[in-house]
Amino acid sequence: MSGHSKWSTIKHQKGATDAKKGAMFTKLANAITIAVKSHNNPSTLIEKARAANMPKEKIQHAIDKGEGKIAGAQLSEAIFEGFAPLGVAIIVETVTDNVTRTSNDLRSTFAKNGGNLGSPGSVSYLFKHLGEIEVLGEDILEKALETGALDVEDNIVYTAPADLHRVKEELSKSLKIVNAELVYRPNKETIVKLSPQDLEKVENFIETIDSLDDVQMVYCNV
């Protein structure tokens, strides 16, 4: 299992491995702002920010920005699709104040590193957009199904995107919540198996994409 995915999804979260805590705070702040702006429940993101010791004033600033109380460049979420070397499907989540700039940066970086940025829909059909909750405890399958979860793999519970917060809250009554987020999970029949050498190439590619300032998350079907 890689990350939180039963199907060995390579998933790198911007900031999780950054040397500078400031970069992680920026990523979390942008995610909170987008959630608030989109009228999505930001509680899970706020919990992550607190766990990362993000200052309260920075969290509140991100909330206020999402509510339009603070002037400045407007952020929006943009999803990009494409291919890494060896034809591996890639989905990139970004938060940006200039979609054209982000698109150009991604296109150039993909091309320089043996990939190809595709058009909308070029690979998204290979994935499902789901809520993903990592839990610890007993009788996970039974408890998850009672909440209306879609699937359970080991200690990972999958939900419809709109049900993520509700299911998380219900499960938290009897299970320990380790992590909860929206993800792109590759369909089982589309999973690509690579040799260690080829896997390293794909991981290096993903790390390069992840290093771009606007990138939040990168998913692939490996």
C-alpha atoms as a PDB file:
ATOM      1  CA  MET A   1       0.000   0.000   0.000  1.00  0.00           C
ATOM      2  CA  SER A   2       1.325   3.423  -0.913  1.00  0.00           C
ATOM      3  CA  GLY A   3       0.000   6.391   0.971  1.00  0.00           C
ATOM      4  CA  HIS A   4      -3.612   5.718   1.877  1.00  0.00           C
ATOM      5  CA  SER A   5      -4.558   3.840  -1.280  1.00  0.00           C
ATOM      6  CA  LYS A   6      -5.117   0.081  -1.387  1.00  0.00           C
ATOM      7  CA  TRP A   7      -4.224   0.170  -5.069  1.00  0.00           C
ATOM      8  CA  SER A   8      -0.746   1.610  -4.549  1.00  0.00           C
ATOM      9  CA  THR A   9      -1.613   5.050  -5.853  1.00  0.00           C
ATOM     10  CA  ILE A  10       1.432   7.249  -5.916  1.00  0.00           C
ATOM     11  CA  LYS A  11       0.139  10.347  -4.237  1.00  0.00           C
ATOM     12  CA  HIS A  12       2.404  13.178  -3.233  1.00  0.00           C
ATOM     13  CA  GLN A  13       0.967  16.018  -1.193  1.00  0.00           C
ATOM     14  CA  LYS A  14       2.608  19.364  -1.676  1.00  0.00           C
ATOM     15  CA  GLY A  15       4.151  20.393   1.609  1.00  0.00           C
ATOM     16  CA  ALA A  16       4.200  16.964   3.254  1.00  0.00           C
ATOM     17  CA  THR A  17       7.871  16.523   2.362  1.00  0.00           C
ATOM     18  CA  ASP A  18       8.871  20.171   1.970  1.00  0.00           C
ATOM     19  CA  ALA A  19      11.876  21.230   3.989  1.00  0.00           C
ATOM     20  CA  LYS A  20      10.318  24.599   4.736  1.00  0.00           C
ATOM     21  CA  LYS A  21       7.273  24.686   6.973  1.00  0.00           C
ATOM     22  CA  GLY A  22       6.198  27.910   5.277  1.00  0.00           C
ATOM     23  CA  ALA A  23       5.546  26.043   2.038  1.00  0.00           C
ATOM     24  CA  MET A  24       3.310  23.579   3.876  1.00  0.00           C
ATOM     25  CA  PHE A  25       1.387  26.403   5.534  1.00  0.00           C
ATOM     26  CA  THR A  26       0.840  28.077   2.165  1.00  0.00           C
ATOM     27  CA  LYS A  27      -0.508  24.838   0.723  1.00  0.00           C
ATOM     28  CA  LEU A  28      -2.864  24.318   3.649  1.00  0.00           C
ATOM     29  CA  ALA A  29      -3.998  27.937   3.609  1.00  0.00           C
ATOM     30  CA  ASN A  30      -4.802  27.781  -0.100  1.00  0.00           C
ATOM     31  CA  ALA A  31      -6.737  24.543   0.360  1.00  0.00           C
ATOM     32  CA  ILE A  32      -8.773  26.046   3.206  1.00  0.00           C
ATOM     33  CA  THR A  33      -9.490  29.179   1.181  1.00  0.00           C
ATOM     34  CA  ILE A  34     -10.730  27.147  -1.775  1.00  0.00           C
ATOM     35  CA  ALA A  35     -12.905  24.937   0.432  1.00  0.00           C
ATOM     36  CA  VAL A  36     -14.556  27.952   2.061  1.00  0.00           C
ATOM     37  CA  LYS A  37     -14.953  29.741  -1.255  1.00  0.00           C
ATOM     38  CA  SER A  38     -16.578  26.636  -2.773  1.00  0.00           C
ATOM     39  CA  HIS A  39     -18.918  26.254   0.227  1.00  0.00           C
ATOM     40  CA  ASN A  40     -17.342  22.913   1.106  1.00  0.00           C
ATOM     41  CA  ASN A  41     -16.831  21.997   4.745  1.00  0.00           C
ATOM     42  CA  PRO A  42     -13.221  22.957   5.624  1.00  0.00           C
ATOM     43  CA  SER A  43     -13.144  21.209   9.009  1.00  0.00           C
ATOM     44  CA  THR A  44     -10.851  18.367   7.912  1.00  0.00           C
ATOM     45  CA  LEU A  45      -8.379  20.813   6.386  1.00  0.00           C
ATOM     46  CA  ILE A  46      -8.484  22.994   9.483  1.00  0.00           C
ATOM     47  CA  GLU A  47      -7.734  19.926  11.604  1.00  0.00           C
ATOM     48  CA  LYS A  48      -4.730  19.168   9.390  1.00  0.00           C
ATOM     49  CA  ALA A  49      -3.518  22.747   9.723  1.00  0.00           C
ATOM     50  CA  ARG A  50      -3.781  22.595  13.504  1.00  0.00           C
ATOM     51  CA  ALA A  51      -1.985  19.244  13.573  1.00  0.00           C
ATOM     52  CA  ALA A  52       0.828  20.863  11.573  1.00  0.00           C
ATOM     53  CA  ASN A  53       1.011  23.658  14.173  1.00  0.00           C
ATOM     54  CA  MET A  54      -0.137  26.266  11.706  1.00  0.00           C
ATOM     55  CA  PRO A  55      -0.731  29.532  13.608  1.00  0.00           C
ATOM     56  CA  LYS A  56      -4.376  30.294  14.397  1.00  0.00           C
ATOM     57  CA  GLU A  57      -4.159  33.689  12.713  1.00  0.00           C
ATOM     58  CA  LYS A  58      -3.011  32.089   9.454  1.00  0.00           C
ATOM     59  CA  ILE A  59      -5.905  29.638   9.553  1.00  0.00           C
ATOM     60  CA  GLN A  60      -8.381  32.447  10.193  1.00  0.00           C
ATOM     61  CA  HIS A  61      -6.798  34.527   7.429  1.00  0.00           C
ATOM     62  CA  ALA A  62      -7.350  31.653   4.987  1.00  0.00           C
ATOM     63  CA  ILE A  63     -10.986  31.359   6.084  1.00  0.00           C
ATOM     64  CA  ASP A  64     -11.554  35.107   5.767  1.00  0.00           C
ATOM     65  CA  LYS A  65      -9.967  35.100   2.321  1.00  0.00           C
ATOM     66  CA  GLY A  66     -12.300  32.333   1.198  1.00  0.00           C
ATOM     67  CA  GLU A  67     -15.266  34.332   2.478  1.00  0.00           C
ATOM     68  CA  GLY A  68     -14.137  37.341   0.451  1.00  0.00           C
ATOM     69  CA  LYS A  69     -13.325  39.477   3.497  1.00  0.00           C
ATOM     70  CA  ILE A  70      -9.734  40.057   2.391  1.00  0.00           C
ATOM     71  CA  ALA A  71      -8.779  41.814  -0.821  1.00  0.00           C
ATOM     72  CA  GLY A  72      -6.131  40.378  -3.104  1.00  0.00           C
ATOM     73  CA  ALA A  73      -5.596  37.891  -5.900  1.00  0.00           C
ATOM     74  CA  GLN A  74      -8.483  35.447  -6.143  1.00  0.00           C
ATOM     75  CA  LEU A  75      -7.566  31.790  -5.943  1.00  0.00           C
ATOM     76  CA  SER A  76      -9.306  29.034  -7.870  1.00  0.00           C
ATOM     77  CA  GLU A  77      -8.868  25.286  -8.135  1.00  0.00           C
ATOM     78  CA  ALA A  78      -7.829  23.818 -11.472  1.00  0.00           C
ATOM     79  CA  ILE A  79      -7.452  20.154 -12.401  1.00  0.00           C
ATOM     80  CA  PHE A  80      -5.026  19.071 -15.120  1.00  0.00           C
ATOM     81  CA  GLU A  81      -4.595  15.694 -16.787  1.00  0.00           C
ATOM     82  CA  GLY A  82      -1.775  14.126 -18.708  1.00  0.00           C
ATOM     83  CA  PHE A  83       0.774  11.370 -19.006  1.00  0.00           C
ATOM     84  CA  ALA A  84       4.063  10.701 -17.268  1.00  0.00           C
ATOM     85  CA  PRO A  85       6.831   8.698 -18.948  1.00  0.00           C
ATOM     86  CA  LEU A  86       5.799   5.144 -19.891  1.00  0.00           C
ATOM     87  CA  GLY A  87       2.226   6.298 -20.501  1.00  0.00           C
ATOM     88  CA  VAL A  88       1.295   6.488 -16.817  1.00  0.00           C
ATOM     89  CA  ALA A  89      -1.879   8.525 -16.293  1.00  0.00           C
ATOM     90  CA  ILE A  90      -1.508  11.653 -14.170  1.00  0.00           C
ATOM     91  CA  ILE A  91      -4.032  13.959 -12.498  1.00  0.00           C
ATOM     92  CA  VAL A  92      -2.722  17.194 -10.997  1.00  0.00           C
ATOM     93  CA  GLU A  93      -4.708  19.308  -8.541  1.00  0.00           C
ATOM     94  CA  THR A  94      -3.663  22.947  -8.386  1.00  0.00           C
ATOM     95  CA  VAL A  95      -4.681  26.138  -6.628  1.00  0.00           C
ATOM     96  CA  THR A  96      -3.796  29.241  -8.587  1.00  0.00           C
ATOM     97  CA  ASP A  97      -4.486  32.919  -9.118  1.00  0.00           C
ATOM     98  CA  ASN A  98      -3.674  32.561 -12.819  1.00  0.00           C
ATOM     99  CA  VAL A  99      -4.825  29.387 -14.576  1.00  0.00           C
ATOM    100  CA  THR A 100      -3.061  30.293 -17.820  1.00  0.00           C
ATOM    101  CA  ARG A 101       0.287  30.638 -16.061  1.00  0.00           C
ATOM    102  CA  THR A 102      -0.197  27.357 -14.217  1.00  0.00           C
ATOM    103  CA  SER A 103      -1.201  25.571 -17.413  1.00  0.00           C
ATOM    104  CA  ASN A 104       1.868  26.870 -19.235  1.00  0.00           C
ATOM    105  CA  ASP A 105       4.166  25.892 -16.360  1.00  0.00           C
ATOM    106  CA  LEU A 106       2.735  22.383 -16.271  1.00  0.00           C
ATOM    107  CA  ARG A 107       2.849  21.936 -20.033  1.00  0.00           C
ATOM    108  CA  SER A 108       6.501  22.968 -20.136  1.00  0.00           C
ATOM    109  CA  THR A 109       7.468  20.808 -17.147  1.00  0.00           C
ATOM    110  CA  PHE A 110       5.634  17.768 -18.508  1.00  0.00           C
ATOM    111  CA  ALA A 111       7.365  18.126 -21.892  1.00  0.00           C
ATOM    112  CA  LYS A 112      10.850  18.682 -20.459  1.00  0.00           C
ATOM    113  CA  ASN A 113      10.577  15.552 -18.332  1.00  0.00           C
ATOM    114  CA  GLY A 114       9.248  13.051 -20.846  1.00  0.00           C
ATOM    115  CA  GLY A 115       5.544  13.543 -20.208  1.00  0.00           C
ATOM    116  CA  ASN A 116       2.634  15.093 -22.035  1.00  0.00           C
ATOM    117  CA  LEU A 117      -0.038  17.403 -20.625  1.00  0.00           C
ATOM    118  CA  GLY A 118      -3.372  16.275 -22.044  1.00  0.00           C
ATOM    119  CA  SER A 119      -6.770  17.844 -22.531  1.00  0.00           C
ATOM    120  CA  PRO A 120      -9.639  17.638 -20.007  1.00  0.00           C
ATOM    121  CA  GLY A 121     -10.997  14.100 -19.947  1.00  0.00           C
ATOM    122  CA  SER A 122      -7.874  12.503 -21.377  1.00  0.00           C
ATOM    123  CA  VAL A 123      -7.246  10.383 -18.260  1.00  0.00           C
ATOM    124  CA  SER A 124      -9.939  11.249 -15.700  1.00  0.00           C
ATOM    125  CA  TYR A 125     -12.069   8.320 -16.894  1.00  0.00           C
ATOM    126  CA  LEU A 126      -9.372   6.029 -15.486  1.00  0.00           C
ATOM    127  CA  PHE A 127     -10.039   7.315 -11.955  1.00  0.00           C
ATOM    128  CA  LYS A 128     -12.911   7.794  -9.532  1.00  0.00           C
ATOM    129  CA  HIS A 129     -13.219  10.949  -7.443  1.00  0.00           C
ATOM    130  CA  LEU A 130     -13.909   9.744  -3.902  1.00  0.00           C
ATOM    131  CA  GLY A 131     -13.743  10.630  -0.262  1.00  0.00           C
ATOM    132  CA  GLU A 132     -11.051   8.615   1.506  1.00  0.00           C
ATOM    133  CA  ILE A 133     -10.972   8.091   5.279  1.00  0.00           C
ATOM    134  CA  GLU A 134      -8.199   6.218   7.059  1.00  0.00           C
ATOM    135  CA  VAL A 135      -9.416   4.793  10.361  1.00  0.00           C
ATOM    136  CA  LEU A 136      -8.236   2.617  13.235  1.00  0.00           C
ATOM    137  CA  GLY A 137     -10.428   0.372  15.347  1.00  0.00           C
ATOM    138  CA  GLU A 138     -12.573  -2.741  15.341  1.00  0.00           C
ATOM    139  CA  ASP A 139     -15.394  -3.823  12.991  1.00  0.00           C
ATOM    140  CA  ILE A 140     -14.447  -1.205  10.403  1.00  0.00           C
ATOM    141  CA  LEU A 141     -16.337  -2.824   7.520  1.00  0.00           C
ATOM    142  CA  GLU A 142     -19.597  -3.142   9.428  1.00  0.00           C
ATOM    143  CA  LYS A 143     -19.447   0.370  10.833  1.00  0.00           C
ATOM    144  CA  ALA A 144     -18.503   1.906   7.492  1.00  0.00           C
ATOM    145  CA  LEU A 145     -21.315   0.224   5.593  1.00  0.00           C
ATOM    146  CA  GLU A 146     -23.800   1.434   8.198  1.00  0.00           C
ATOM    147  CA  THR A 147     -22.827   5.010   7.348  1.00  0.00           C
ATOM    148  CA  GLY A 148     -23.421   4.531   3.630  1.00  0.00           C
ATOM    149  CA  ALA A 149     -19.767   4.245   2.634  1.00  0.00           C
ATOM    150  CA  LEU A 150     -19.126   2.971  -0.886  1.00  0.00           C
ATOM    151  CA  ASP A 151     -16.195   0.652  -0.241  1.00  0.00           C
ATOM    152  CA  VAL A 152     -13.750  -0.500   2.414  1.00  0.00           C
ATOM    153  CA  GLU A 153     -10.212  -1.752   1.825  1.00  0.00           C
ATOM    154  CA  ASP A 154      -8.360  -2.773   4.973  1.00  0.00           C
ATOM    155  CA  ASN A 155      -8.620   0.321   7.170  1.00  0.00           C
ATOM    156  CA  ILE A 156      -9.498   2.702   4.336  1.00  0.00           C
ATOM    157  CA  VAL A 157     -13.107   3.774   3.876  1.00  0.00           C
ATOM    158  CA  TYR A 158     -14.279   5.268   0.580  1.00  0.00           C
ATOM    159  CA  THR A 159     -17.283   7.547   0.184  1.00  0.00           C
ATOM    160  CA  ALA A 160     -19.015   9.679  -2.387  1.00  0.00           C
ATOM    161  CA  PRO A 161     -17.296  13.101  -2.384  1.00  0.00           C
ATOM    162  CA  ALA A 162     -20.345  14.841  -0.940  1.00  0.00           C
ATOM    163  CA  ASP A 163     -20.552  12.297   1.899  1.00  0.00           C
ATOM    164  CA  LEU A 164     -16.968  12.595   3.136  1.00  0.00           C
ATOM    165  CA  HIS A 165     -17.617  14.930   6.063  1.00  0.00           C
ATOM    166  CA  ARG A 166     -20.813  13.188   7.173  1.00  0.00           C
ATOM    167  CA  VAL A 167     -19.291   9.700   7.109  1.00  0.00           C
ATOM    168  CA  LYS A 168     -16.145  10.949   8.843  1.00  0.00           C
ATOM    169  CA  GLU A 169     -18.213  12.448  11.658  1.00  0.00           C
ATOM    170  CA  GLU A 170     -20.248   9.261  12.091  1.00  0.00           C
ATOM    171  CA  LEU A 171     -17.186   7.009  12.080  1.00  0.00           C
ATOM    172  CA  SER A 172     -15.395   9.256  14.573  1.00  0.00           C
ATOM    173  CA  LYS A 173     -17.934   8.223  17.215  1.00  0.00           C
ATOM    174  CA  SER A 174     -16.488   4.699  17.381  1.00  0.00           C
ATOM    175  CA  LEU A 175     -13.255   4.718  15.359  1.00  0.00           C
ATOM    176  CA  LYS A 176     -10.072   6.788  15.387  1.00  0.00           C
ATOM    177  CA  ILE A 177      -9.823   8.998  12.303  1.00  0.00           C
ATOM    178  CA  VAL A 178      -6.254   9.108  11.012  1.00  0.00           C
ATOM    179  CA  ASN A 179      -6.864  11.088   7.833  1.00  0.00           C
ATOM    180  CA  ALA A 180      -9.742  12.199   5.624  1.00  0.00           C
ATOM    181  CA  GLU A 181      -9.583  13.832   2.206  1.00  0.00           C
ATOM    182  CA  LEU A 182     -10.885  13.818  -1.340  1.00  0.00           C
ATOM    183  CA  VAL A 183      -8.797  11.744  -3.731  1.00  0.00           C
ATOM    184  CA  TYR A 184      -8.644  10.422  -7.272  1.00  0.00           C
ATOM    185  CA  ARG A 185      -8.515   6.637  -6.976  1.00  0.00           C
ATOM    186  CA  PRO A 186      -7.475   4.712 -10.100  1.00  0.00           C
ATOM    187  CA  ASN A 187      -9.889   2.055 -11.310  1.00  0.00           C
ATOM    188  CA  LYS A 188      -8.543  -1.405 -10.477  1.00  0.00           C
ATOM    189  CA  GLU A 189      -8.473  -2.560 -14.076  1.00  0.00           C
ATOM    190  CA  THR A 190      -6.351   0.440 -15.099  1.00  0.00           C
ATOM    191  CA  ILE A 191      -3.563  -0.011 -12.535  1.00  0.00           C
ATOM    192  CA  VAL A 192      -0.140  -0.163 -14.184  1.00  0.00           C
ATOM    193  CA  LYS A 193       2.585  -2.383 -12.734  1.00  0.00           C
ATOM    194  CA  LEU A 194       6.135  -1.148 -13.270  1.00  0.00           C
ATOM    195  CA  SER A 195       9.593  -2.503 -12.660  1.00  0.00           C
ATOM    196  CA  PRO A 196      11.541  -0.827  -9.838  1.00  0.00           C
ATOM    197  CA  GLN A 197      13.607   1.070 -12.397  1.00  0.00           C
ATOM    198  CA  ASP A 198      10.563   2.347 -14.290  1.00  0.00           C
ATOM    199  CA  LEU A 199       8.782   3.158 -11.038  1.00  0.00           C
ATOM    200  CA  GLU A 200      11.694   5.361 -10.043  1.00  0.00           C
ATOM    201  CA  LYS A 201      11.366   7.270 -13.329  1.00  0.00           C
ATOM    202  CA  VAL A 202       7.691   7.936 -12.658  1.00  0.00           C
ATOM    203  CA  GLU A 203       8.334   8.947  -9.052  1.00  0.00           C
ATOM    204  CA  ASN A 204      11.030  11.397 -10.166  1.00  0.00           C
ATOM    205  CA  PHE A 205       8.615  12.843 -12.706  1.00  0.00           C
ATOM    206  CA  ILE A 206       5.911  13.272 -10.068  1.00  0.00           C
ATOM    207  CA  GLU A 207       8.338  14.918  -7.656  1.00  0.00           C
ATOM    208  CA  THR A 208       9.271  17.413 -10.359  1.00  0.00           C
ATOM    209  CA  ILE A 209       5.615  18.235 -11.040  1.00  0.00           C
ATOM    210  CA  ASP A 210       4.952  18.455  -7.306  1.00  0.00           C
ATOM    211  CA  SER A 211       7.728  21.028  -6.907  1.00  0.00           C
ATOM    212  CA  LEU A 212       5.764  23.619  -8.897  1.00  0.00           C
ATOM    213  CA  ASP A 213       4.361  26.324  -6.638  1.00  0.00           C
ATOM    214  CA  ASP A 214       0.716  25.947  -7.662  1.00  0.00           C
ATOM    215  CA  VAL A 215       0.570  22.156  -7.386  1.00  0.00           C
ATOM    216  CA  GLN A 216      -1.389  20.731  -4.459  1.00  0.00           C
ATOM    217  CA  MET A 217      -1.690  17.003  -5.209  1.00  0.00           C
ATOM    218  CA  VAL A 218      -0.531  14.565  -7.871  1.00  0.00           C
ATOM    219  CA  TYR A 219      -2.192  11.202  -8.562  1.00  0.00           C
ATOM    220  CA  CYS A 220      -1.280   8.406 -10.945  1.00  0.00           C
ATOM    221  CA  ASN A 221      -2.486   4.921 -11.842  1.00  0.00           C
ATOM    222  CA  VAL A 222       0.556   2.991 -10.629  1.00  0.00           C
END
